[in-house]
Amino acid sequence: MITPIGSYKIKYILYRKDRIRKIQSKIKKIVIKKNMGWCNDTHSKDYNKLIKLPSIYSYEKLYKKENIYDIVLVLNYNMNPVVKNRGSAIFIHVARKNYKKTEGCVALRKKHLLEIVKLMKSNTMIKIENQI
């Protein structure tokens, strides 16, 4: 999946409470638990939604050993309405050390992501433009 170009709102913030003590933001926050995932299976009615695990459908596990999902900004991409095969789990999350390519997400250093979160308001729009 290529990162979708456009302007998006942040639907909510997911974060690991054991790795990030306090998040200052006006955006709704949800603590990531071990039984949480994001459905990416087009056969499920929960496609492109936060789900409780286990699931018979394919999903992205949100509670990871690596730190990329320590903080996740959930973009409102393909959410209202949800269109099957249009893409799911389009997030802004923590970048890997080498900024390894994502599968459609935007990745930033954790400290920069936390700085951005402090500045966001409920009507903040994220604009994704053409890639270089």
Protein backbone atom coordinates (compact mmCIF):
# COMPACT_ATOMS: atom_id res chain seq x y z
CA MET A 1 0.00 0.00 0.00
CA ILE A 2 1.20 3.49 -0.80
CA THR A 3 0.59 6.22 1.75
CA PRO A 4 -2.70 7.88 0.74
CA ILE A 5 -2.39 11.53 -0.30
CA GLY A 6 -4.93 13.88 1.25
CA SER A 7 -5.97 15.68 4.43
CA TYR A 8 -7.07 13.65 7.43
CA LYS A 9 -8.21 14.17 11.00
CA ILE A 10 -6.77 12.24 13.90
CA LYS A 11 -9.57 9.95 15.06
CA TYR A 12 -7.81 9.06 18.32
CA ILE A 13 -4.43 8.21 19.83
CA LEU A 14 -3.43 4.68 20.80
CA TYR A 15 -0.48 4.32 23.16
CA ARG A 16 1.46 1.94 25.38
CA LYS A 17 0.99 3.18 28.95
CA ASP A 18 3.94 1.05 30.10
CA ARG A 19 6.26 2.91 27.70
CA ILE A 20 4.76 6.40 27.64
CA ARG A 21 3.83 7.70 31.07
CA LYS A 22 1.69 10.67 30.17
CA ILE A 23 0.40 12.08 26.91
CA GLN A 24 -0.70 15.68 26.84
CA SER A 25 -3.29 16.05 24.10
CA LYS A 26 -6.83 17.27 23.49
CA ILE A 27 -7.38 14.22 21.24
CA LYS A 28 -9.09 11.10 22.66
CA LYS A 29 -6.53 8.58 23.99
CA ILE A 30 -6.84 4.79 24.26
CA VAL A 31 -4.33 2.59 26.09
CA ILE A 32 -3.09 -0.33 23.95
CA LYS A 33 -3.70 -3.65 25.69
CA LYS A 34 -2.29 -7.09 24.81
CA ASN A 35 -5.62 -8.19 23.33
CA MET A 36 -5.94 -5.34 20.83
CA GLY A 37 -5.55 -5.50 17.08
CA TRP A 38 -6.53 -3.71 13.89
CA CYS A 39 -8.58 -5.75 11.41
CA ASN A 40 -7.16 -5.80 7.88
CA ASP A 41 -9.33 -8.64 6.55
CA THR A 42 -11.80 -7.56 3.87
CA HIS A 43 -14.05 -10.52 4.73
CA SER A 44 -14.72 -9.11 8.20
CA LYS A 45 -17.42 -6.60 9.12
CA ASP A 46 -14.70 -5.04 11.29
CA TYR A 47 -12.36 -4.29 8.35
CA ASN A 48 -10.25 -1.20 9.13
CA LYS A 49 -11.36 -1.08 12.77
CA LEU A 50 -9.89 -1.57 16.21
CA ILE A 51 -10.72 -5.10 17.41
CA LYS A 52 -10.36 -7.35 20.44
CA LEU A 53 -8.18 -10.43 19.99
CA PRO A 54 -8.24 -13.29 19.27
CA SER A 55 -9.98 -13.01 15.92
CA ILE A 56 -10.66 -15.50 13.14
CA TYR A 57 -9.88 -12.72 10.65
CA SER A 58 -6.44 -11.35 9.77
CA TYR A 59 -5.25 -8.38 11.78
CA GLU A 60 -2.30 -6.25 12.81
CA LYS A 61 -1.36 -6.81 16.46
CA LEU A 62 -1.05 -3.46 18.25
CA TYR A 63 0.82 -4.60 21.38
CA LYS A 64 4.28 -5.17 19.91
CA LYS A 65 7.68 -6.01 21.36
CA GLU A 66 9.31 -3.37 19.15
CA ASN A 67 8.45 0.25 19.86
CA ILE A 68 6.79 1.29 16.59
CA TYR A 69 3.32 1.26 18.16
CA ASP A 70 4.26 2.91 21.45
CA ILE A 71 2.19 5.81 20.16
CA VAL A 72 -0.16 5.66 17.19
CA LEU A 73 -2.20 8.44 15.66
CA VAL A 74 -5.16 6.81 13.92
CA LEU A 75 -6.04 8.74 10.76
CA ASN A 76 -9.67 8.83 9.63
CA TYR A 77 -8.63 7.34 6.27
CA ASN A 78 -11.22 4.94 4.79
CA MET A 79 -13.49 5.11 7.81
CA ASN A 80 -16.71 6.83 6.85
CA PRO A 81 -17.71 4.82 4.96
CA VAL A 82 -15.26 1.92 5.10
CA VAL A 83 -14.58 0.65 1.57
CA LYS A 84 -13.21 -2.91 1.28
CA ASN A 85 -9.74 -3.16 -0.34
CA ARG A 86 -9.18 0.60 -0.12
CA GLY A 87 -6.67 0.20 2.70
CA SER A 88 -6.64 -0.21 6.44
CA ALA A 89 -4.44 0.66 9.41
CA ILE A 90 -3.18 3.97 8.02
CA PHE A 91 -1.43 5.43 11.03
CA ILE A 92 1.23 7.88 12.09
CA HIS A 93 3.51 5.90 14.39
CA VAL A 94 7.05 5.65 15.73
CA ALA A 95 9.72 5.16 13.07
CA ARG A 96 12.20 2.32 13.18
CA LYS A 97 15.79 3.36 13.86
CA ASN A 98 16.71 3.21 10.18
CA TYR A 99 13.41 4.78 9.03
CA LYS A 100 12.59 1.53 7.23
CA LYS A 101 9.73 1.96 4.78
CA THR A 102 6.20 1.43 6.13
CA GLU A 103 3.25 -0.23 4.41
CA GLY A 104 1.33 3.01 3.91
CA CYS A 105 1.80 4.70 7.26
CA VAL A 106 3.79 7.79 8.19
CA ALA A 107 6.59 7.19 10.70
CA LEU A 108 8.36 9.76 12.88
CA ARG A 109 10.82 9.70 15.76
CA LYS A 110 9.05 9.14 19.08
CA LYS A 111 10.17 12.49 20.55
CA HIS A 112 8.88 14.38 17.50
CA LEU A 113 5.58 12.51 17.58
CA LEU A 114 5.10 13.40 21.25
CA GLU A 115 5.83 17.08 20.48
CA ILE A 116 3.25 17.09 17.69
CA VAL A 117 0.63 15.44 19.91
CA LYS A 118 0.93 18.29 22.44
CA LEU A 119 0.08 20.83 19.72
CA MET A 120 -2.88 19.00 18.18
CA LYS A 121 -6.49 20.04 18.70
CA SER A 122 -9.66 18.10 17.92
CA ASN A 123 -9.93 19.83 14.53
CA THR A 124 -6.25 19.44 13.56
CA MET A 125 -5.83 18.17 10.00
CA ILE A 126 -2.85 16.11 8.81
CA LYS A 127 -1.95 16.81 5.20
CA ILE A 128 -0.07 14.08 3.31
CA GLU A 129 1.41 15.28 0.03
CA ASN A 130 3.29 13.70 -2.84
CA GLN A 131 6.37 11.79 -1.84
CA ILE A 132 9.76 12.84 -3.15
